[in-house]
Amino acid sequence: MEVLKILKLRDPITLFENYSISNRKPTLLIQDNPANNFLSRSTKIWNILTPKFKLIDFSFNISTVKTRLKNALLKLQDSNDPITWTTNDFDINKLEISNPGSRIATS
């Protein structure tokens, strides 16, 4: 969610400037060098989630994305063993985000 806010609002500008945005797809981030820091991990997660949300630009409503992500996470965690946590409860590749329209509603 924080990356979403940084990219949409361009704030804080110091973090926004560290992301490399693709010229081909404005919602795709380019990872310059693989590392184990916030920028690298958030770029990887963002590029996994963006196609699932069918984001085509940054004209969407942040609260809509937040609600849909929350519902998808709860559904993922509820789909496995209800008593113990498993690694599948945290696998973002298995997230199924409901897409009521072709893309997220604009603000």
PDB file of N, CA and C in Angstrom:
ATOM      1  N   MET A   1       0.815  -1.194   0.000  1.00  0.00           N
ATOM      2  CA  MET A   1       0.000   0.000   0.000  1.00  0.00           C
ATOM      3  C   MET A   1       0.862   1.264   0.000  1.00  0.00           C
ATOM      4  N   GLU A   2       1.994   1.186   0.665  1.00  0.00           N
ATOM      5  CA  GLU A   2       2.847   2.375   0.726  1.00  0.00           C
ATOM      6  C   GLU A   2       3.410   2.721  -0.643  1.00  0.00           C
ATOM      7  N   VAL A   3       3.787   1.717  -1.415  1.00  0.00           N
ATOM      8  CA  VAL A   3       4.308   1.970  -2.764  1.00  0.00           C
ATOM      9  C   VAL A   3       3.217   2.617  -3.617  1.00  0.00           C
ATOM     10  N   LEU A   4       2.018   2.132  -3.472  1.00  0.00           N
ATOM     11  CA  LEU A   4       0.875   2.693  -4.192  1.00  0.00           C
ATOM     12  C   LEU A   4       0.743   4.189  -3.898  1.00  0.00           C
ATOM     13  N   LYS A   5       0.812   4.549  -2.647  1.00  0.00           N
ATOM     14  CA  LYS A   5       0.686   5.956  -2.258  1.00  0.00           C
ATOM     15  C   LYS A   5       1.867   6.781  -2.767  1.00  0.00           C
ATOM     16  N   ILE A   6       3.065   6.203  -2.688  1.00  0.00           N
ATOM     17  CA  ILE A   6       4.255   6.916  -3.157  1.00  0.00           C
ATOM     18  C   ILE A   6       4.159   7.188  -4.654  1.00  0.00           C
ATOM     19  N   LEU A   7       3.736   6.191  -5.424  1.00  0.00           N
ATOM     20  CA  LEU A   7       3.675   6.352  -6.875  1.00  0.00           C
ATOM     21  C   LEU A   7       2.523   7.256  -7.309  1.00  0.00           C
ATOM     22  N   LYS A   8       1.393   7.125  -6.667  1.00  0.00           N
ATOM     23  CA  LYS A   8       0.226   7.945  -7.051  1.00  0.00           C
ATOM     24  C   LYS A   8       0.401   9.403  -6.633  1.00  0.00           C
ATOM     25  N   LEU A   9       0.797   9.608  -5.379  1.00  0.00           N
ATOM     26  CA  LEU A   9       0.878  10.961  -4.832  1.00  0.00           C
ATOM     27  C   LEU A   9       2.246  11.615  -5.032  1.00  0.00           C
ATOM     28  N   ARG A  10       3.234  10.793  -5.430  1.00  0.00           N
ATOM     29  CA  ARG A  10       4.623  11.257  -5.609  1.00  0.00           C
ATOM     30  C   ARG A  10       5.154  11.925  -4.344  1.00  0.00           C
ATOM     31  N   ASP A  11       4.789  11.299  -3.225  1.00  0.00           N
ATOM     32  CA  ASP A  11       5.184  11.847  -1.931  1.00  0.00           C
ATOM     33  C   ASP A  11       5.491  10.712  -0.970  1.00  0.00           C
ATOM     34  N   PRO A  12       6.589  10.690  -0.310  1.00  0.00           N
ATOM     35  CA  PRO A  12       7.673  11.653  -0.311  1.00  0.00           C
ATOM     36  C   PRO A  12       8.476  11.575  -1.616  1.00  0.00           C
ATOM     37  N   ILE A  13       8.827  12.713  -2.113  1.00  0.00           N
ATOM     38  CA  ILE A  13       9.490  12.812  -3.406  1.00  0.00           C
ATOM     39  C   ILE A  13      10.846  12.106  -3.402  1.00  0.00           C
ATOM     40  N   THR A  14      11.513  12.082  -2.252  1.00  0.00           N
ATOM     41  CA  THR A  14      12.818  11.425  -2.187  1.00  0.00           C
ATOM     42  C   THR A  14      12.705   9.924  -2.438  1.00  0.00           C
ATOM     43  N   LEU A  15      11.628   9.295  -1.979  1.00  0.00           N
ATOM     44  CA  LEU A  15      11.407   7.878  -2.274  1.00  0.00           C
ATOM     45  C   LEU A  15      10.917   7.690  -3.698  1.00  0.00           C
ATOM     46  N   PHE A  16      10.007   8.534  -4.139  1.00  0.00           N
ATOM     47  CA  PHE A  16       9.471   8.429  -5.493  1.00  0.00           C
ATOM     48  C   PHE A  16      10.592   8.475  -6.529  1.00  0.00           C
ATOM     49  N   GLU A  17      11.555   9.346  -6.327  1.00  0.00           N
ATOM     50  CA  GLU A  17      12.656   9.497  -7.286  1.00  0.00           C
ATOM     51  C   GLU A  17      13.551   8.270  -7.360  1.00  0.00           C
ATOM     52  N   ASN A  18      13.503   7.412  -6.358  1.00  0.00           N
ATOM     53  CA  ASN A  18      14.337   6.205  -6.371  1.00  0.00           C
ATOM     54  C   ASN A  18      13.744   5.075  -7.214  1.00  0.00           C
ATOM     55  N   TYR A  19      12.455   5.151  -7.520  1.00  0.00           N
ATOM     56  CA  TYR A  19      11.825   4.136  -8.352  1.00  0.00           C
ATOM     57  C   TYR A  19      12.050   4.438  -9.822  1.00  0.00           C
ATOM     58  N   SER A  20      12.281   3.384 -10.601  1.00  0.00           N
ATOM     59  CA  SER A  20      12.424   3.529 -12.053  1.00  0.00           C
ATOM     60  C   SER A  20      11.132   3.042 -12.699  1.00  0.00           C
ATOM     61  N   ILE A  21      10.404   3.956 -13.296  1.00  0.00           N
ATOM     62  CA  ILE A  21       9.126   3.624 -13.916  1.00  0.00           C
ATOM     63  C   ILE A  21       9.357   3.325 -15.391  1.00  0.00           C
ATOM     64  N   SER A  22       8.739   2.267 -15.856  1.00  0.00           N
ATOM     65  CA  SER A  22       8.884   1.835 -17.239  1.00  0.00           C
ATOM     66  C   SER A  22       8.291   2.865 -18.199  1.00  0.00           C
ATOM     67  N   ASN A  23       8.956   3.062 -19.321  1.00  0.00           N
ATOM     68  CA  ASN A  23       8.418   3.940 -20.365  1.00  0.00           C
ATOM     69  C   ASN A  23       7.314   3.236 -21.143  1.00  0.00           C
ATOM     70  N   ARG A  24       7.366   1.904 -21.175  1.00  0.00           N
ATOM     71  CA  ARG A  24       6.400   1.106 -21.921  1.00  0.00           C
ATOM     72  C   ARG A  24       5.067   1.012 -21.192  1.00  0.00           C
ATOM     73  N   LYS A  25       5.122   0.747 -19.883  1.00  0.00           N
ATOM     74  CA  LYS A  25       3.913   0.640 -19.058  1.00  0.00           C
ATOM     75  C   LYS A  25       4.093   1.548 -17.843  1.00  0.00           C
ATOM     76  N   PRO A  26       3.260   2.553 -17.705  1.00  0.00           N
ATOM     77  CA  PRO A  26       3.456   3.522 -16.615  1.00  0.00           C
ATOM     78  C   PRO A  26       3.250   2.957 -15.212  1.00  0.00           C
ATOM     79  N   THR A  27       2.643   1.777 -15.086  1.00  0.00           N
ATOM     80  CA  THR A  27       2.453   1.200 -13.748  1.00  0.00           C
ATOM     81  C   THR A  27       3.483   0.119 -13.436  1.00  0.00           C
ATOM     82  N   LEU A  28       4.408  -0.133 -14.339  1.00  0.00           N
ATOM     83  CA  LEU A  28       5.434  -1.150 -14.138  1.00  0.00           C
ATOM     84  C   LEU A  28       6.707  -0.497 -13.613  1.00  0.00           C
ATOM     85  N   LEU A  29       7.294  -1.097 -12.594  1.00  0.00           N
ATOM     86  CA  LEU A  29       8.547  -0.585 -12.042  1.00  0.00           C
ATOM     87  C   LEU A  29       9.700  -1.438 -12.531  1.00  0.00           C
ATOM     88  N   ILE A  30      10.817  -0.804 -12.793  1.00  0.00           N
ATOM     89  CA  ILE A  30      12.007  -1.509 -13.248  1.00  0.00           C
ATOM     90  C   ILE A  30      12.965  -1.621 -12.072  1.00  0.00           C
ATOM     91  N   GLN A  31      13.431  -2.836 -11.856  1.00  0.00           N
ATOM     92  CA  GLN A  31      14.354  -3.080 -10.752  1.00  0.00           C
ATOM     93  C   GLN A  31      15.769  -3.032 -11.310  1.00  0.00           C
ATOM     94  N   ASP A  32      16.516  -2.012 -10.906  1.00  0.00           N
ATOM     95  CA  ASP A  32      17.858  -1.820 -11.444  1.00  0.00           C
ATOM     96  C   ASP A  32      18.827  -2.904 -10.989  1.00  0.00           C
ATOM     97  N   ASN A  33      18.932  -3.084  -9.709  1.00  0.00           N
ATOM     98  CA  ASN A  33      19.836  -4.114  -9.196  1.00  0.00           C
ATOM     99  C   ASN A  33      19.168  -4.857  -8.046  1.00  0.00           C
ATOM    100  N   PRO A  34      19.157  -6.177  -8.135  1.00  0.00           N
ATOM    101  CA  PRO A  34      18.523  -6.944  -7.053  1.00  0.00           C
ATOM    102  C   PRO A  34      19.268  -6.772  -5.730  1.00  0.00           C
ATOM    103  N   ALA A  35      18.550  -6.412  -4.735  1.00  0.00           N
ATOM    104  CA  ALA A  35      19.111  -6.249  -3.393  1.00  0.00           C
ATOM    105  C   ALA A  35      18.021  -6.625  -2.408  1.00  0.00           C
ATOM    106  N   ASN A  36      18.367  -6.665  -1.153  1.00  0.00           N
ATOM    107  CA  ASN A  36      17.385  -7.000  -0.134  1.00  0.00           C
ATOM    108  C   ASN A  36      17.069  -5.759   0.696  1.00  0.00           C
ATOM    109  N   ASN A  37      16.538  -4.747   0.022  1.00  0.00           N
ATOM    110  CA  ASN A  37      16.146  -3.529   0.723  1.00  0.00           C
ATOM    111  C   ASN A  37      14.709  -3.179   0.359  1.00  0.00           C
ATOM    112  N   PHE A  38      14.186  -2.140   0.962  1.00  0.00           N
ATOM    113  CA  PHE A  38      12.788  -1.770   0.745  1.00  0.00           C
ATOM    114  C   PHE A  38      12.484  -1.524  -0.729  1.00  0.00           C
ATOM    115  N   LEU A  39      13.327  -0.798  -1.394  1.00  0.00           N
ATOM    116  CA  LEU A  39      13.092  -0.447  -2.788  1.00  0.00           C
ATOM    117  C   LEU A  39      13.020  -1.691  -3.673  1.00  0.00           C
ATOM    118  N   SER A  40      13.930  -2.592  -3.489  1.00  0.00           N
ATOM    119  CA  SER A  40      13.967  -3.810  -4.298  1.00  0.00           C
ATOM    120  C   SER A  40      12.780  -4.717  -4.014  1.00  0.00           C
ATOM    121  N   ARG A  41      12.503  -4.962  -2.746  1.00  0.00           N
ATOM    122  CA  ARG A  41      11.384  -5.841  -2.380  1.00  0.00           C
ATOM    123  C   ARG A  41      10.044  -5.233  -2.773  1.00  0.00           C
ATOM    124  N   SER A  42       9.892  -3.933  -2.570  1.00  0.00           N
ATOM    125  CA  SER A  42       8.624  -3.300  -2.914  1.00  0.00           C
ATOM    126  C   SER A  42       8.406  -3.277  -4.430  1.00  0.00           C
ATOM    127  N   THR A  43       9.469  -3.122  -5.205  1.00  0.00           N
ATOM    128  CA  THR A  43       9.362  -3.180  -6.667  1.00  0.00           C
ATOM    129  C   THR A  43       8.890  -4.552  -7.111  1.00  0.00           C
ATOM    130  N   LYS A  44       9.465  -5.590  -6.533  1.00  0.00           N
ATOM    131  CA  LYS A  44       9.083  -6.957  -6.890  1.00  0.00           C
ATOM    132  C   LYS A  44       7.608  -7.219  -6.554  1.00  0.00           C
ATOM    133  N   ILE A  45       7.190  -6.854  -5.358  1.00  0.00           N
ATOM    134  CA  ILE A  45       5.797  -7.064  -4.941  1.00  0.00           C
ATOM    135  C   ILE A  45       4.849  -6.228  -5.802  1.00  0.00           C
ATOM    136  N   TRP A  46       5.207  -4.981  -6.070  1.00  0.00           N
ATOM    137  CA  TRP A  46       4.370  -4.110  -6.891  1.00  0.00           C
ATOM    138  C   TRP A  46       4.143  -4.723  -8.275  1.00  0.00           C
ATOM    139  N   ASN A  47       5.209  -5.253  -8.882  1.00  0.00           N
ATOM    140  CA  ASN A  47       5.094  -5.822 -10.222  1.00  0.00           C
ATOM    141  C   ASN A  47       4.294  -7.120 -10.239  1.00  0.00           C
ATOM    142  N   ILE A  48       4.183  -7.790  -9.108  1.00  0.00           N
ATOM    143  CA  ILE A  48       3.325  -8.985  -9.009  1.00  0.00           C
ATOM    144  C   ILE A  48       1.862  -8.564  -8.866  1.00  0.00           C
ATOM    145  N   LEU A  49       1.614  -7.548  -8.057  1.00  0.00           N
ATOM    146  CA  LEU A  49       0.231  -7.142  -7.767  1.00  0.00           C
ATOM    147  C   LEU A  49      -0.418  -6.282  -8.850  1.00  0.00           C
ATOM    148  N   THR A  50       0.355  -5.482  -9.545  1.00  0.00           N
ATOM    149  CA  THR A  50      -0.201  -4.573 -10.540  1.00  0.00           C
ATOM    150  C   THR A  50      -1.060  -5.277 -11.594  1.00  0.00           C
ATOM    151  N   PRO A  51      -0.595  -6.376 -12.199  1.00  0.00           N
ATOM    152  CA  PRO A  51      -1.458  -7.054 -13.181  1.00  0.00           C
ATOM    153  C   PRO A  51      -2.721  -7.652 -12.543  1.00  0.00           C
ATOM    154  N   LYS A  52      -2.626  -8.072 -11.302  1.00  0.00           N
ATOM    155  CA  LYS A  52      -3.791  -8.643 -10.621  1.00  0.00           C
ATOM    156  C   LYS A  52      -4.878  -7.587 -10.406  1.00  0.00           C
ATOM    157  N   PHE A  53      -4.465  -6.348 -10.166  1.00  0.00           N
ATOM    158  CA  PHE A  53      -5.414  -5.247  -9.999  1.00  0.00           C
ATOM    159  C   PHE A  53      -5.840  -4.651 -11.339  1.00  0.00           C
ATOM    160  N   LYS A  54      -5.157  -5.033 -12.393  1.00  0.00           N
ATOM    161  CA  LYS A  54      -5.403  -4.495 -13.747  1.00  0.00           C
ATOM    162  C   LYS A  54      -5.266  -2.976 -13.769  1.00  0.00           C
ATOM    163  N   LEU A  55      -4.204  -2.488 -13.128  1.00  0.00           N
ATOM    164  CA  LEU A  55      -3.945  -1.049 -13.120  1.00  0.00           C
ATOM    165  C   LEU A  55      -3.363  -0.643 -14.467  1.00  0.00           C
ATOM    166  N   ILE A  56      -3.912   0.402 -15.060  1.00  0.00           N
ATOM    167  CA  ILE A  56      -3.371   0.894 -16.320  1.00  0.00           C
ATOM    168  C   ILE A  56      -2.818   2.313 -16.185  1.00  0.00           C
ATOM    169  N   ASP A  57      -3.190   2.981 -15.118  1.00  0.00           N
ATOM    170  CA  ASP A  57      -2.661   4.303 -14.822  1.00  0.00           C
ATOM    171  C   ASP A  57      -2.862   4.585 -13.334  1.00  0.00           C
ATOM    172  N   PHE A  58      -2.590   5.804 -12.922  1.00  0.00           N
ATOM    173  CA  PHE A  58      -2.698   6.142 -11.501  1.00  0.00           C
ATOM    174  C   PHE A  58      -3.913   7.012 -11.194  1.00  0.00           C
ATOM    175  N   SER A  59      -5.001   6.826 -11.942  1.00  0.00           N
ATOM    176  CA  SER A  59      -6.203   7.623 -11.719  1.00  0.00           C
ATOM    177  C   SER A  59      -7.205   6.923 -10.796  1.00  0.00           C
ATOM    178  N   PHE A  60      -6.784   5.875 -10.138  1.00  0.00           N
ATOM    179  CA  PHE A  60      -7.675   5.089  -9.288  1.00  0.00           C
ATOM    180  C   PHE A  60      -7.789   5.681  -7.886  1.00  0.00           C
ATOM    181  N   ASN A  61      -8.766   5.198  -7.162  1.00  0.00           N
ATOM    182  CA  ASN A  61      -9.008   5.616  -5.799  1.00  0.00           C
ATOM    183  C   ASN A  61      -8.214   4.692  -4.861  1.00  0.00           C
ATOM    184  N   ILE A  62      -7.388   5.255  -4.002  1.00  0.00           N
ATOM    185  CA  ILE A  62      -6.535   4.469  -3.109  1.00  0.00           C
ATOM    186  C   ILE A  62      -7.365   3.598  -2.169  1.00  0.00           C
ATOM    187  N   SER A  63      -8.463   4.121  -1.650  1.00  0.00           N
ATOM    188  CA  SER A  63      -9.268   3.331  -0.710  1.00  0.00           C
ATOM    189  C   SER A  63      -9.887   2.108  -1.390  1.00  0.00           C
ATOM    190  N   THR A  64     -10.201   2.207  -2.675  1.00  0.00           N
ATOM    191  CA  THR A  64     -10.744   1.062  -3.409  1.00  0.00           C
ATOM    192  C   THR A  64      -9.699  -0.045  -3.516  1.00  0.00           C
ATOM    193  N   VAL A  65      -8.487   0.341  -3.847  1.00  0.00           N
ATOM    194  CA  VAL A  65      -7.398  -0.640  -3.950  1.00  0.00           C
ATOM    195  C   VAL A  65      -7.141  -1.275  -2.591  1.00  0.00           C
ATOM    196  N   LYS A  66      -7.116  -0.468  -1.564  1.00  0.00           N
ATOM    197  CA  LYS A  66      -6.864  -0.961  -0.209  1.00  0.00           C
ATOM    198  C   LYS A  66      -7.923  -1.980   0.209  1.00  0.00           C
ATOM    199  N   THR A  67      -9.184  -1.684  -0.048  1.00  0.00           N
ATOM    200  CA  THR A  67     -10.279  -2.590   0.300  1.00  0.00           C
ATOM    201  C   THR A  67     -10.169  -3.900  -0.468  1.00  0.00           C
ATOM    202  N   ARG A  68      -9.901  -3.808  -1.760  1.00  0.00           N
ATOM    203  CA  ARG A  68      -9.796  -5.024  -2.573  1.00  0.00           C
ATOM    204  C   ARG A  68      -8.599  -5.876  -2.169  1.00  0.00           C
ATOM    205  N   LEU A  69      -7.478  -5.231  -1.819  1.00  0.00           N
ATOM    206  CA  LEU A  69      -6.299  -5.968  -1.364  1.00  0.00           C
ATOM    207  C   LEU A  69      -6.579  -6.643  -0.028  1.00  0.00           C
ATOM    208  N   LYS A  70      -7.211  -5.926   0.876  1.00  0.00           N
ATOM    209  CA  LYS A  70      -7.559  -6.485   2.186  1.00  0.00           C
ATOM    210  C   LYS A  70      -8.467  -7.702   2.028  1.00  0.00           C
ATOM    211  N   ASN A  71      -9.493  -7.588   1.193  1.00  0.00           N
ATOM    212  CA  ASN A  71     -10.408  -8.710   0.965  1.00  0.00           C
ATOM    213  C   ASN A  71      -9.700  -9.902   0.338  1.00  0.00           C
ATOM    214  N   ALA A  72      -8.786  -9.646  -0.594  1.00  0.00           N
ATOM    215  CA  ALA A  72      -8.047 -10.731  -1.231  1.00  0.00           C
ATOM    216  C   ALA A  72      -7.128 -11.433  -0.232  1.00  0.00           C
ATOM    217  N   LEU A  73      -6.490 -10.664   0.649  1.00  0.00           N
ATOM    218  CA  LEU A  73      -5.615 -11.266   1.672  1.00  0.00           C
ATOM    219  C   LEU A  73      -6.421 -12.109   2.656  1.00  0.00           C
ATOM    220  N   LEU A  74      -7.568 -11.595   3.082  1.00  0.00           N
ATOM    221  CA  LEU A  74      -8.419 -12.361   4.004  1.00  0.00           C
ATOM    222  C   LEU A  74      -8.920 -13.643   3.348  1.00  0.00           C
ATOM    223  N   LYS A  75      -9.276 -13.562   2.089  1.00  0.00           N
ATOM    224  CA  LYS A  75      -9.739 -14.745   1.365  1.00  0.00           C
ATOM    225  C   LYS A  75      -8.612 -15.775   1.232  1.00  0.00           C
ATOM    226  N   LEU A  76      -7.411 -15.302   0.931  1.00  0.00           N
ATOM    227  CA  LEU A  76      -6.260 -16.200   0.809  1.00  0.00           C
ATOM    228  C   LEU A  76      -5.968 -16.888   2.131  1.00  0.00           C
ATOM    229  N   GLN A  77      -5.995 -16.138   3.208  1.00  0.00           N
ATOM    230  CA  GLN A  77      -5.694 -16.712   4.517  1.00  0.00           C
ATOM    231  C   GLN A  77      -6.806 -17.630   4.996  1.00  0.00           C
ATOM    232  N   ASP A  78      -8.006 -17.407   4.554  1.00  0.00           N
ATOM    233  CA  ASP A  78      -9.137 -18.239   4.946  1.00  0.00           C
ATOM    234  C   ASP A  78      -9.225 -19.531   4.129  1.00  0.00           C
ATOM    235  N   SER A  79      -8.511 -19.581   3.004  1.00  0.00           N
ATOM    236  CA  SER A  79      -8.620 -20.740   2.110  1.00  0.00           C
ATOM    237  C   SER A  79      -7.782 -21.933   2.563  1.00  0.00           C
ATOM    238  N   ASN A  80      -6.962 -21.768   3.575  1.00  0.00           N
ATOM    239  CA  ASN A  80      -6.109 -22.843   4.060  1.00  0.00           C
ATOM    240  C   ASN A  80      -6.561 -23.295   5.446  1.00  0.00           C
ATOM    241  N   ASP A  81      -5.700 -23.970   6.152  1.00  0.00           N
ATOM    242  CA  ASP A  81      -6.016 -24.511   7.470  1.00  0.00           C
ATOM    243  C   ASP A  81      -6.452 -23.393   8.417  1.00  0.00           C
ATOM    244  N   PRO A  82      -7.651 -23.486   9.005  1.00  0.00           N
ATOM    245  CA  PRO A  82      -8.156 -22.408   9.859  1.00  0.00           C
ATOM    246  C   PRO A  82      -7.471 -22.325  11.227  1.00  0.00           C
ATOM    247  N   ILE A  83      -6.718 -23.351  11.603  1.00  0.00           N
ATOM    248  CA  ILE A  83      -6.119 -23.357  12.935  1.00  0.00           C
ATOM    249  C   ILE A  83      -4.652 -22.917  12.915  1.00  0.00           C
ATOM    250  N   THR A  84      -3.903 -23.336  11.928  1.00  0.00           N
ATOM    251  CA  THR A  84      -2.482 -22.994  11.874  1.00  0.00           C
ATOM    252  C   THR A  84      -2.172 -22.198  10.615  1.00  0.00           C
ATOM    253  N   TRP A  85      -1.137 -21.364  10.698  1.00  0.00           N
ATOM    254  CA  TRP A  85      -0.693 -20.593   9.551  1.00  0.00           C
ATOM    255  C   TRP A  85       0.185 -21.472   8.676  1.00  0.00           C
ATOM    256  N   THR A  86       0.039 -21.330   7.385  1.00  0.00           N
ATOM    257  CA  THR A  86       0.895 -22.049   6.449  1.00  0.00           C
ATOM    258  C   THR A  86       1.588 -21.024   5.547  1.00  0.00           C
ATOM    259  N   THR A  87       2.577 -21.486   4.789  1.00  0.00           N
ATOM    260  CA  THR A  87       3.257 -20.571   3.868  1.00  0.00           C
ATOM    261  C   THR A  87       2.314 -20.094   2.768  1.00  0.00           C
ATOM    262  N   ASN A  88       1.291 -20.882   2.462  1.00  0.00           N
ATOM    263  CA  ASN A  88       0.321 -20.473   1.446  1.00  0.00           C
ATOM    264  C   ASN A  88      -0.509 -19.268   1.886  1.00  0.00           C
ATOM    265  N   ASP A  89      -0.609 -19.039   3.192  1.00  0.00           N
ATOM    266  CA  ASP A  89      -1.364 -17.897   3.710  1.00  0.00           C
ATOM    267  C   ASP A  89      -0.704 -16.562   3.356  1.00  0.00           C
ATOM    268  N   PHE A  90       0.563 -16.609   2.978  1.00  0.00           N
ATOM    269  CA  PHE A  90       1.316 -15.382   2.714  1.00  0.00           C
ATOM    270  C   PHE A  90       1.838 -15.301   1.289  1.00  0.00           C
ATOM    271  N   ASP A  91       1.435 -16.210   0.432  1.00  0.00           N
ATOM    272  CA  ASP A  91       1.943 -16.265  -0.940  1.00  0.00           C
ATOM    273  C   ASP A  91       1.160 -15.305  -1.832  1.00  0.00           C
ATOM    274  N   ILE A  92       1.761 -14.141  -2.123  1.00  0.00           N
ATOM    275  CA  ILE A  92       1.045 -13.134  -2.912  1.00  0.00           C
ATOM    276  C   ILE A  92       0.829 -13.571  -4.355  1.00  0.00           C
ATOM    277  N   ASN A  93       1.599 -14.552  -4.808  1.00  0.00           N
ATOM    278  CA  ASN A  93       1.387 -15.060  -6.161  1.00  0.00           C
ATOM    279  C   ASN A  93       0.046 -15.767  -6.286  1.00  0.00           C
ATOM    280  N   LYS A  94      -0.506 -16.227  -5.168  1.00  0.00           N
ATOM    281  CA  LYS A  94      -1.788 -16.936  -5.178  1.00  0.00           C
ATOM    282  C   LYS A  94      -2.975 -16.027  -4.882  1.00  0.00           C
ATOM    283  N   LEU A  95      -2.721 -14.739  -4.738  1.00  0.00           N
ATOM    284  CA  LEU A  95      -3.806 -13.795  -4.480  1.00  0.00           C
ATOM    285  C   LEU A  95      -4.749 -13.741  -5.666  1.00  0.00           C
ATOM    286  N   GLU A  96      -6.029 -13.785  -5.385  1.00  0.00           N
ATOM    287  CA  GLU A  96      -7.051 -13.637  -6.414  1.00  0.00           C
ATOM    288  C   GLU A  96      -7.860 -12.394  -6.079  1.00  0.00           C
ATOM    289  N   ILE A  97      -7.633 -11.356  -6.841  1.00  0.00           N
ATOM    290  CA  ILE A  97      -8.283 -10.084  -6.575  1.00  0.00           C
ATOM    291  C   ILE A  97      -9.499  -9.963  -7.471  1.00  0.00           C
ATOM    292  N   SER A  98     -10.646  -9.712  -6.841  1.00  0.00           N
ATOM    293  CA  SER A  98     -11.876  -9.579  -7.626  1.00  0.00           C
ATOM    294  C   SER A  98     -11.811  -8.303  -8.434  1.00  0.00           C
ATOM    295  N   ASN A  99     -12.153  -8.409  -9.695  1.00  0.00           N
ATOM    296  CA  ASN A  99     -12.141  -7.252 -10.585  1.00  0.00           C
ATOM    297  C   ASN A  99     -13.557  -7.035 -11.111  1.00  0.00           C
ATOM    298  N   PRO A 100     -14.340  -6.213 -10.408  1.00  0.00           N
ATOM    299  CA  PRO A 100     -15.715  -5.995 -10.826  1.00  0.00           C
ATOM    300  C   PRO A 100     -15.821  -5.315 -12.186  1.00  0.00           C
ATOM    301  N   GLY A 101     -14.819  -4.520 -12.533  1.00  0.00           N
ATOM    302  CA  GLY A 101     -14.804  -3.849 -13.830  1.00  0.00           C
ATOM    303  C   GLY A 101     -13.515  -4.167 -14.553  1.00  0.00           C
ATOM    304  N   SER A 102     -13.264  -3.501 -15.636  1.00  0.00           N
ATOM    305  CA  SER A 102     -12.046  -3.758 -16.375  1.00  0.00           C
ATOM    306  C   SER A 102     -10.823  -3.171 -15.666  1.00  0.00           C
ATOM    307  N   ARG A 103     -11.053  -2.146 -14.857  1.00  0.00           N
ATOM    308  CA  ARG A 103      -9.962  -1.581 -14.080  1.00  0.00           C
ATOM    309  C   ARG A 103     -10.555  -0.899 -12.862  1.00  0.00           C
ATOM    310  N   ILE A 104      -9.703  -0.447 -11.989  1.00  0.00           N
ATOM    311  CA  ILE A 104     -10.162   0.180 -10.752  1.00  0.00           C
ATOM    312  C   ILE A 104     -10.784   1.537 -11.046  1.00  0.00           C
ATOM    313  N   ALA A 105     -11.833   1.840 -10.322  1.00  0.00           N
ATOM    314  CA  ALA A 105     -12.566   3.085 -10.534  1.00  0.00           C
ATOM    315  C   ALA A 105     -11.692   4.295 -10.303  1.00  0.00           C
ATOM    316  N   THR A 106     -11.940   5.324 -11.045  1.00  0.00           N
ATOM    317  CA  THR A 106     -11.166   6.551 -10.909  1.00  0.00           C
ATOM    318  C   THR A 106     -11.654   7.358  -9.726  1.00  0.00           C
ATOM    319  N   SER A 107     -10.762   8.225  -9.257  1.00  0.00           N
ATOM    320  CA  SER A 107     -11.116   9.059  -8.097  1.00  0.00           C
ATOM    321  C   SER A 107     -11.839  10.305  -8.496  1.00  0.00           C
TER     322      SER A 107
END
